[in-house]
Amino acid sequence: MLEQLALPSPPEESSGRVTGSTEADEALDHRMELGLMHEWTAYGSKTFSTAWEFWCYQAPLIALDSRYAMNGLLGLAALHSAKRDPSHWATADGRFLAIRDPLYATQNHQRGLEESWKIGPEIFIGPQKADPTDDADQALLAATRSREMTTISRHYFDRAIDGHRMALANLTVHNIESIYMTSVLVAFNALFLLSETERDSTVQAVDPTLWLQLASGTAVVCERWRELVGEAWVAASGAFYGKPDLSNNEELFKPEHAKSFERLLTYAGGYELLNEEDKETYSKALSYIGLIYTGIQTKSDHPMATCRRLFAMPSKLPLRFTTMAQQGQPRARAMLAHVFACMKLLDDKVLWFKGVAECQIPRIQQDLPQEWKAMLEWPMAVVRGGPSAIGRDVDVGANPSFGAQ
C-alpha cells in the first residue's frame, strides 16, 4: 500500500539553500529556524487541532531526530507566519497586537519599557486616528513579509517531500513515527495552500483532490505503524490525543447526520445505477460532512474540534471517495464543495481556512455539468456571505431525473 502514496514532485531548484552558502548565511539560517520554531511552539501549533499538546511539545522533539520532519514543521510554521498579520509585543499589558490593529499606534512601540509601566494599559485603548501614510507602510510591510515567508515555506516543504519520499522507501520501526508526522504535515500544507490563489493571483491553482490524496495516505502510514509497534505504542505517542474521538465509526457515519444535505445523496437519476460500494461511500461521506456542519451550526463542537474532524475526513472516509473526486464525479465534487463551505463558516476563527472556499467552490461549480450546478447553490451563497444555514433561504428545487453521472 505504501507505494501507492504519491507525493508531489518538488521543483529542480528545491535542493538549494533558502539563503546562500556562506558562514554569514548559515548563521542567518540558524536564526531564521529558531524564529520559525518559536512561531510554531508559541502560535502555529495551537491553531488547528485540539491535540495541540502533541504538536507543541512532542512534534518538535520528533523533528529534532528527523530532518525531513523538521523541514515539514518549519514549512508549516513559515506558512502560518505568512498568513497572520505582523504583530507587535505590547509590553505594558503583555500581549501581541496586530500592527494594523486600531489599538496599535506607532508611538507606543517606541516607548521604553521603563516608561510603559507609568502609562499602563490605557495607552492601548482606542481607537486612535491613524496616519494614512502609516497604514500604507504597514500594508506594504504585511504584504512583503507574507510573500517572503510563503517562499521560505515552499523551500522547506520541497525539502520535506524529498526526505519523506526516501524515508518511505526505507520504512522501519525507528522512523515510522517521523514518517507519519511528516505525512500529516504535508497533507496540512496541501489543504492550507488551497487559498493561495486568493492571496496571490500569480500562484497556480492547487487541485483540491491533492489534499484528499495526501491525507488519505496518512491512514496507510498509520496502519503500517500499528503493524510495526502495536496499538498501545501508537496511542502512547500522543499523535491521536484530543477531542472529539474519531475512532467510533458507528457514530461518525450515522445516516441521520446527513439529513441537512440529503438531496446530495440521491440527486439525479444516475444514483440508482451506482454499485453498492459507491453508494456506501457517498453515504458515509455525506454523514461525516453533516456531522461537521451540525457541530458548527449548533456550536456543539469547538472550532478546533471541527478542525480536527475536517483534517481527518479524507483518512476516515473510504479511499474510494478520493478516487471518485479525482475522476471528477459530480456527486463527489459537489460534496467536496460543501466541505469547503463548512470551512468558510469558520474562517473568522481559523486563519488557515481563509480564502479556501472563495478559491475552490467557484472552480468546482464551473467544472460541474450544467444540471449539477443547482446543488452548489448553498456553498456559493456561503462564499458570497449569504446564509450560513441550510433552509428555505436556499432552495435547489426538486430532484430532476436525467442520465447517469
Protein backbone atom coordinates (compact mmCIF):
# COMPACT_ATOMS: atom_id res chain seq x y z
CA MET A 1 0.00 0.00 0.00
CA LEU A 2 2.83 2.42 0.76
CA GLU A 3 3.98 2.51 -2.84
CA GLN A 4 0.59 3.97 -3.72
CA LEU A 5 1.36 7.16 -1.80
CA ALA A 6 2.07 9.75 -4.49
CA LEU A 7 3.87 12.85 -3.29
CA PRO A 8 4.08 15.98 -5.44
CA SER A 9 7.42 16.37 -7.20
CA PRO A 10 9.37 19.39 -5.93
CA PRO A 11 10.94 21.80 -8.41
CA GLU A 12 14.52 21.15 -9.51
CA GLU A 13 15.92 24.11 -7.59
CA SER A 14 14.46 22.88 -4.29
CA SER A 15 17.70 21.23 -3.25
CA GLY A 16 19.38 24.63 -2.84
CA ARG A 17 19.55 26.59 0.37
CA VAL A 18 16.93 29.15 1.31
CA THR A 19 19.77 31.63 1.62
CA GLY A 20 23.35 31.40 0.36
CA SER A 21 26.11 29.06 1.43
CA THR A 22 28.43 31.46 3.26
CA GLU A 23 29.06 31.32 7.01
CA ALA A 24 27.05 34.52 7.46
CA ASP A 25 24.14 32.95 5.60
CA GLU A 26 24.41 29.78 7.69
CA ALA A 27 24.12 31.92 10.83
CA LEU A 28 21.12 33.65 9.29
CA ASP A 29 19.55 30.27 8.56
CA HIS A 30 20.00 29.23 12.18
CA ARG A 31 18.43 32.44 13.43
CA MET A 32 15.57 32.08 10.98
CA GLU A 33 14.94 28.48 12.04
CA LEU A 34 14.94 29.47 15.69
CA GLY A 35 12.41 32.16 14.83
CA LEU A 36 10.26 29.63 12.95
CA MET A 37 10.44 27.20 15.87
CA HIS A 38 9.26 29.99 18.16
CA GLU A 39 6.44 30.74 15.70
CA TRP A 40 5.45 27.09 15.83
CA THR A 41 5.57 26.43 19.55
CA ALA A 42 4.12 29.78 20.62
CA TYR A 43 1.40 30.16 17.98
CA GLY A 44 1.10 27.83 14.98
CA SER A 45 0.85 24.56 16.92
CA LYS A 46 -2.26 25.79 18.74
CA THR A 47 -4.25 26.92 15.70
CA PHE A 48 -5.53 23.77 14.00
CA SER A 49 -6.15 20.90 16.41
CA THR A 50 -7.37 20.05 19.88
CA ALA A 51 -4.29 17.80 20.10
CA TRP A 52 -2.16 20.93 20.39
CA GLU A 53 -0.06 19.49 23.25
CA PHE A 54 1.35 16.89 20.84
CA TRP A 55 2.09 19.48 18.15
CA CYS A 56 3.55 21.98 20.61
CA TYR A 57 5.70 19.69 22.77
CA GLN A 58 6.16 16.25 21.20
CA ALA A 59 6.32 17.13 17.50
CA PRO A 60 9.43 19.37 17.84
CA LEU A 61 11.23 16.54 19.68
CA ILE A 62 10.41 14.12 16.85
CA ALA A 63 11.56 16.73 14.35
CA LEU A 64 14.94 17.06 16.11
CA ASP A 65 15.63 13.42 15.20
CA SER A 66 14.46 13.72 11.60
CA ARG A 67 15.48 16.48 9.20
CA TYR A 68 12.58 15.89 6.80
CA ALA A 69 10.09 16.09 9.68
CA MET A 70 11.81 19.28 10.85
CA ASN A 71 11.53 20.71 7.34
CA GLY A 72 7.81 19.96 7.30
CA LEU A 73 7.30 21.55 10.71
CA LEU A 74 9.30 24.67 9.82
CA GLY A 75 7.49 24.91 6.49
CA LEU A 76 4.12 24.96 8.22
CA ALA A 77 5.43 27.49 10.77
CA ALA A 78 6.54 29.76 7.91
CA LEU A 79 3.15 29.40 6.23
CA HIS A 80 1.44 30.32 9.49
CA SER A 81 3.65 33.39 9.75
CA ALA A 82 2.74 34.32 6.17
CA LYS A 83 -0.98 34.11 6.86
CA ARG A 84 -1.19 36.11 10.07
CA ASP A 85 -0.76 39.84 10.44
CA PRO A 86 2.63 41.19 11.60
CA SER A 87 2.47 41.67 15.36
CA HIS A 88 3.97 43.93 17.97
CA TRP A 89 4.65 42.88 21.55
CA ALA A 90 2.71 45.23 23.81
CA THR A 91 4.96 45.34 26.85
CA ALA A 92 2.51 47.30 29.01
CA ASP A 93 -0.10 44.56 29.14
CA GLY A 94 1.91 41.57 27.93
CA ARG A 95 0.21 40.51 24.71
CA PHE A 96 0.66 40.65 20.97
CA LEU A 97 -1.28 43.19 18.91
CA ALA A 98 -1.55 43.10 15.14
CA ILE A 99 0.30 46.09 13.70
CA ARG A 100 -2.87 47.06 11.82
CA ASP A 101 -4.97 46.72 14.97
CA PRO A 102 -6.76 50.03 15.75
CA LEU A 103 -5.37 49.76 19.27
CA TYR A 104 -1.85 49.96 17.91
CA ALA A 105 -0.14 53.31 17.49
CA THR A 106 3.37 53.78 16.14
CA GLN A 107 4.43 55.96 19.05
CA ASN A 108 3.59 53.26 21.58
CA HIS A 109 6.21 50.73 20.46
CA GLN A 110 8.86 53.46 20.55
CA ARG A 111 8.46 53.97 24.29
CA GLY A 112 10.97 52.29 26.54
CA LEU A 113 9.81 49.64 28.97
CA GLU A 114 10.81 51.94 31.85
CA GLU A 115 8.19 54.45 30.63
CA SER A 116 5.46 51.97 29.66
CA TRP A 117 4.69 50.91 33.22
CA LYS A 118 3.86 54.54 34.16
CA ILE A 119 1.29 54.85 31.40
CA GLY A 120 -0.32 51.47 31.91
CA PRO A 121 -2.70 49.64 29.60
CA GLU A 122 -4.67 52.78 28.74
CA ILE A 123 -2.11 53.63 26.02
CA PHE A 124 -3.58 50.74 24.07
CA ILE A 125 -7.18 51.84 24.48
CA GLY A 126 -8.53 53.23 21.23
CA PRO A 127 -9.49 53.60 18.56
CA GLN A 128 -6.84 56.13 17.62
CA LYS A 129 -6.65 58.16 14.45
CA ALA A 130 -4.13 56.54 12.17
CA ASP A 131 -1.80 58.30 9.81
CA PRO A 132 -2.72 57.19 6.23
CA THR A 133 0.98 57.02 5.44
CA ASP A 134 1.46 54.61 8.34
CA ASP A 135 -1.45 52.49 7.05
CA ALA A 136 0.14 52.24 3.62
CA ASP A 137 3.54 51.40 5.09
CA GLN A 138 2.03 48.74 7.34
CA ALA A 139 0.08 47.19 4.47
CA LEU A 140 3.27 47.06 2.38
CA LEU A 141 5.16 45.54 5.32
CA ALA A 142 2.50 42.86 5.75
CA ALA A 143 2.39 42.01 2.02
CA THR A 144 6.19 41.85 1.70
CA ARG A 145 6.55 39.74 4.82
CA SER A 146 3.80 37.38 3.65
CA ARG A 147 5.48 36.81 0.27
CA GLU A 148 8.87 36.20 1.90
CA MET A 149 7.50 33.72 4.41
CA THR A 150 5.47 31.90 1.74
CA THR A 151 8.64 31.46 -0.33
CA ILE A 152 10.51 30.15 2.71
CA SER A 153 7.64 27.76 3.43
CA ARG A 154 7.80 26.33 -0.09
CA HIS A 155 11.54 25.73 0.19
CA TYR A 156 11.10 23.81 3.43
CA PHE A 157 8.24 21.73 2.09
CA ASP A 158 10.19 20.87 -1.06
CA ARG A 159 12.93 19.51 1.21
CA ALA A 160 10.42 17.74 3.43
CA ILE A 161 8.88 15.95 0.45
CA ASP A 162 12.30 14.89 -0.85
CA GLY A 163 13.26 13.39 2.50
CA HIS A 164 9.84 11.91 3.13
CA ARG A 165 9.87 10.08 -0.19
CA MET A 166 13.25 8.49 0.60
CA ALA A 167 12.13 7.55 4.11
CA LEU A 168 9.00 5.83 2.76
CA ALA A 169 11.26 3.61 0.64
CA ASN A 170 13.17 2.55 3.79
CA LEU A 171 10.45 2.46 6.42
CA THR A 172 11.42 0.90 9.75
CA VAL A 173 10.16 0.84 13.32
CA HIS A 174 12.69 3.59 14.09
CA ASN A 175 11.48 6.14 11.55
CA ILE A 176 7.77 5.35 11.27
CA GLU A 177 6.76 8.00 13.81
CA SER A 178 8.58 10.78 11.96
CA ILE A 179 7.21 9.47 8.64
CA TYR A 180 3.68 9.61 9.99
CA MET A 181 4.14 13.10 11.38
CA THR A 182 5.62 14.35 8.11
CA SER A 183 2.78 12.81 6.10
CA VAL A 184 0.31 14.75 8.26
CA LEU A 185 2.29 18.00 7.86
CA VAL A 186 2.46 17.57 4.09
CA ALA A 187 -1.30 16.96 3.96
CA PHE A 188 -1.94 20.03 6.12
CA ASN A 189 0.19 22.08 3.75
CA ALA A 190 -1.76 20.83 0.72
CA LEU A 191 -5.03 21.90 2.37
CA PHE A 192 -3.79 25.27 3.57
CA LEU A 193 -2.41 26.13 0.11
CA LEU A 194 -5.89 25.81 -1.42
CA SER A 195 -6.38 29.50 -0.63
CA GLU A 196 -3.15 30.76 -2.20
CA THR A 197 -4.69 31.97 -5.46
CA GLU A 198 -6.98 34.17 -3.36
CA ARG A 199 -3.94 35.86 -1.83
CA ASP A 200 -1.66 35.79 -4.87
CA SER A 201 -3.08 35.64 -8.41
CA THR A 202 0.32 34.60 -9.81
CA VAL A 203 0.22 31.28 -7.95
CA GLN A 204 -1.04 28.29 -9.88
CA ALA A 205 -4.30 26.90 -8.50
CA VAL A 206 -3.99 23.68 -6.49
CA ASP A 207 -6.38 20.83 -7.25
CA PRO A 208 -8.28 20.09 -4.02
CA THR A 209 -8.06 16.35 -4.65
CA LEU A 210 -4.31 16.52 -3.94
CA TRP A 211 -5.22 17.26 -0.32
CA LEU A 212 -7.61 14.29 -0.30
CA GLN A 213 -4.93 12.03 -1.75
CA LEU A 214 -2.19 13.04 0.66
CA ALA A 215 -4.46 12.98 3.71
CA SER A 216 -5.78 9.54 2.73
CA GLY A 217 -2.18 8.36 2.60
CA THR A 218 -1.70 9.12 6.29
CA ALA A 219 -4.18 6.33 7.06
CA VAL A 220 -1.98 3.88 5.15
CA VAL A 221 1.12 5.01 7.07
CA CYS A 222 -0.77 4.78 10.35
CA GLU A 223 -1.88 1.23 9.61
CA ARG A 224 1.72 0.25 8.88
CA TRP A 225 2.72 1.90 12.17
CA ARG A 226 0.24 -0.26 14.04
CA GLU A 227 1.61 -3.36 12.33
CA LEU A 228 5.14 -2.49 13.42
CA VAL A 229 4.64 -1.46 17.06
CA GLY A 230 1.08 -2.32 18.07
CA GLU A 231 -1.92 -0.22 19.00
CA ALA A 232 -0.72 0.58 22.52
CA TRP A 233 2.54 2.18 21.33
CA VAL A 234 0.76 4.20 18.66
CA ALA A 235 -1.72 5.52 21.23
CA ALA A 236 1.10 6.34 23.66
CA SER A 237 2.82 8.54 21.09
CA GLY A 238 0.27 11.29 21.66
CA ALA A 239 -0.41 11.83 17.97
CA PHE A 240 -4.07 10.94 18.41
CA TYR A 241 -4.81 12.86 21.59
CA GLY A 242 -7.55 15.43 21.54
CA LYS A 243 -11.29 15.60 21.14
CA PRO A 244 -13.55 14.63 19.51
CA ASP A 245 -12.97 10.90 19.46
CA LEU A 246 -12.65 9.85 15.83
CA SER A 247 -12.39 6.12 16.45
CA ASN A 248 -16.14 5.40 16.72
CA ASN A 249 -17.13 4.81 13.09
CA GLU A 250 -20.69 4.00 14.05
CA GLU A 251 -21.12 7.50 15.47
CA LEU A 252 -19.21 9.23 12.65
CA PHE A 253 -21.32 7.68 9.91
CA LYS A 254 -24.81 7.72 11.36
CA PRO A 255 -27.24 8.26 8.45
CA GLU A 256 -29.19 10.89 10.40
CA HIS A 257 -26.15 13.20 10.29
CA ALA A 258 -26.72 13.57 6.55
CA LYS A 259 -30.24 14.99 6.89
CA SER A 260 -29.24 18.60 6.12
CA PHE A 261 -27.69 17.57 2.81
CA GLU A 262 -29.78 14.50 1.97
CA ARG A 263 -30.61 15.72 -1.54
CA LEU A 264 -26.92 15.42 -2.43
CA LEU A 265 -27.11 11.69 -1.86
CA THR A 266 -29.88 10.78 -4.27
CA TYR A 267 -29.90 13.80 -6.60
CA ALA A 268 -30.06 12.76 -10.28
CA GLY A 269 -31.37 9.56 -11.77
CA GLY A 270 -27.88 8.08 -12.10
CA TYR A 271 -27.76 7.32 -8.37
CA GLU A 272 -29.84 4.17 -8.84
CA LEU A 273 -27.24 2.85 -11.28
CA LEU A 274 -24.34 3.10 -8.82
CA ASN A 275 -22.89 -0.08 -7.34
CA GLU A 276 -23.27 -0.75 -3.62
CA GLU A 277 -19.67 0.22 -2.80
CA ASP A 278 -20.12 3.67 -4.31
CA LYS A 279 -23.48 4.17 -2.63
CA GLU A 280 -21.97 3.29 0.75
CA THR A 281 -19.01 5.60 0.11
CA TYR A 282 -21.28 8.54 -0.71
CA SER A 283 -23.49 7.78 2.28
CA LYS A 284 -20.52 7.78 4.67
CA ALA A 285 -19.11 10.96 3.14
CA LEU A 286 -22.38 12.83 3.49
CA SER A 287 -22.90 11.62 7.07
CA TYR A 288 -19.43 12.82 8.00
CA ILE A 289 -19.95 16.21 6.32
CA GLY A 290 -23.35 16.55 8.01
CA LEU A 291 -21.76 15.85 11.40
CA ILE A 292 -19.25 18.64 10.78
CA TYR A 293 -21.97 21.06 9.70
CA THR A 294 -24.18 20.25 12.70
CA GLY A 295 -21.29 20.87 15.08
CA ILE A 296 -20.76 24.31 13.54
CA GLN A 297 -24.42 25.33 13.43
CA THR A 298 -25.31 24.16 16.93
CA LYS A 299 -21.90 25.22 18.36
CA SER A 300 -21.70 21.76 19.93
CA ASP A 301 -18.12 21.50 18.66
CA HIS A 302 -15.36 23.96 19.46
CA PRO A 303 -13.79 25.36 16.24
CA MET A 304 -10.61 23.37 16.94
CA ALA A 305 -12.69 20.20 17.33
CA THR A 306 -14.28 20.92 13.96
CA CYS A 307 -10.81 21.42 12.51
CA ARG A 308 -9.85 18.00 13.80
CA ARG A 309 -12.87 16.46 12.06
CA LEU A 310 -12.14 18.31 8.81
CA PHE A 311 -8.46 17.37 8.69
CA ALA A 312 -9.23 13.73 9.44
CA MET A 313 -12.04 13.45 6.88
CA PRO A 314 -10.01 12.04 3.93
CA SER A 315 -8.38 9.40 6.11
CA LYS A 316 -11.66 8.40 7.77
CA LEU A 317 -13.66 8.05 4.55
CA PRO A 318 -13.21 5.09 2.21
CA LEU A 319 -10.37 5.64 -0.26
CA ARG A 320 -12.99 5.27 -2.97
CA PHE A 321 -14.25 8.80 -2.22
CA THR A 322 -10.86 10.30 -3.08
CA THR A 323 -10.79 8.27 -6.30
CA MET A 324 -14.26 9.44 -7.35
CA ALA A 325 -13.37 13.08 -6.62
CA GLN A 326 -10.17 12.73 -8.67
CA GLN A 327 -12.20 11.24 -11.52
CA GLY A 328 -14.40 14.33 -11.48
CA GLN A 329 -17.59 12.55 -10.42
CA PRO A 330 -20.14 15.37 -9.94
CA ARG A 331 -21.58 13.99 -6.72
CA ALA A 332 -18.15 13.69 -5.08
CA ARG A 333 -17.14 17.16 -6.26
CA ALA A 334 -20.39 18.70 -5.02
CA MET A 335 -19.86 17.10 -1.61
CA LEU A 336 -16.33 18.49 -1.54
CA ALA A 337 -17.73 21.97 -2.19
CA HIS A 338 -19.94 21.56 0.89
CA VAL A 339 -16.81 20.71 2.92
CA PHE A 340 -15.20 23.97 1.81
CA ALA A 341 -18.40 25.86 2.65
CA CYS A 342 -18.13 24.49 6.20
CA MET A 343 -14.58 25.84 6.31
CA LYS A 344 -15.91 29.23 5.26
CA LEU A 345 -18.28 29.22 8.24
CA LEU A 346 -15.21 29.01 10.48
CA ASP A 347 -12.76 31.29 8.71
CA ASP A 348 -13.28 34.13 11.19
CA LYS A 349 -11.93 31.80 13.89
CA VAL A 350 -9.44 29.67 11.93
CA LEU A 351 -6.96 31.64 9.82
CA TRP A 352 -5.96 28.53 7.84
CA PHE A 353 -9.40 28.41 6.21
CA LYS A 354 -9.45 32.00 4.98
CA GLY A 355 -9.84 32.10 1.21
CA VAL A 356 -10.20 28.33 0.68
CA ALA A 357 -13.92 28.43 -0.10
CA GLU A 358 -13.55 31.55 -2.25
CA CYS A 359 -10.89 29.84 -4.37
CA GLN A 360 -12.25 26.32 -4.61
CA ILE A 361 -16.06 26.44 -4.65
CA PRO A 362 -16.39 28.63 -7.78
CA ARG A 363 -13.88 26.37 -9.56
CA ILE A 364 -15.89 23.28 -8.67
CA GLN A 365 -19.11 24.98 -9.72
CA GLN A 366 -17.63 25.99 -13.06
CA ASP A 367 -16.43 22.45 -13.81
CA LEU A 368 -19.70 20.70 -12.90
CA PRO A 369 -22.19 19.69 -15.61
CA GLN A 370 -24.96 22.26 -16.01
CA GLU A 371 -27.60 20.06 -14.39
CA TRP A 372 -25.46 19.73 -11.24
CA LYS A 373 -24.80 23.43 -10.67
CA ALA A 374 -28.03 23.79 -8.67
CA MET A 375 -26.54 21.57 -5.98
CA LEU A 376 -23.88 24.20 -5.28
CA GLU A 377 -26.39 26.94 -4.55
CA TRP A 378 -25.79 26.81 -0.79
CA PRO A 379 -21.96 26.68 -0.97
CA MET A 380 -21.98 29.58 -3.45
CA ALA A 381 -24.31 31.55 -1.17
CA VAL A 382 -21.93 30.98 1.75
CA VAL A 383 -18.99 32.21 -0.35
CA ARG A 384 -20.90 35.39 -1.15
CA GLY A 385 -21.53 35.99 2.55
CA GLY A 386 -25.11 34.75 2.41
CA PRO A 387 -26.97 32.28 4.64
CA SER A 388 -24.92 30.03 6.85
CA ALA A 389 -27.78 27.62 7.47
CA ILE A 390 -29.48 25.21 5.10
CA GLY A 391 -33.14 26.18 4.81
CA ARG A 392 -35.76 27.98 2.83
CA ASP A 393 -33.38 30.83 2.04
CA VAL A 394 -31.58 28.44 -0.33
CA ASP A 395 -33.77 26.21 -2.46
CA VAL A 396 -32.21 23.91 -5.04
CA GLY A 397 -35.60 22.68 -6.25
CA ALA A 398 -36.91 19.21 -6.81
CA ASN A 399 -34.68 16.38 -7.93
CA PRO A 400 -34.55 16.21 -11.71
CA SER A 401 -34.36 12.90 -13.49
CA PHE A 402 -31.66 12.51 -16.07
CA GLY A 403 -28.98 10.08 -17.13
CA ALA A 404 -26.19 8.51 -15.11
CA GLN A 405 -23.42 10.80 -13.91
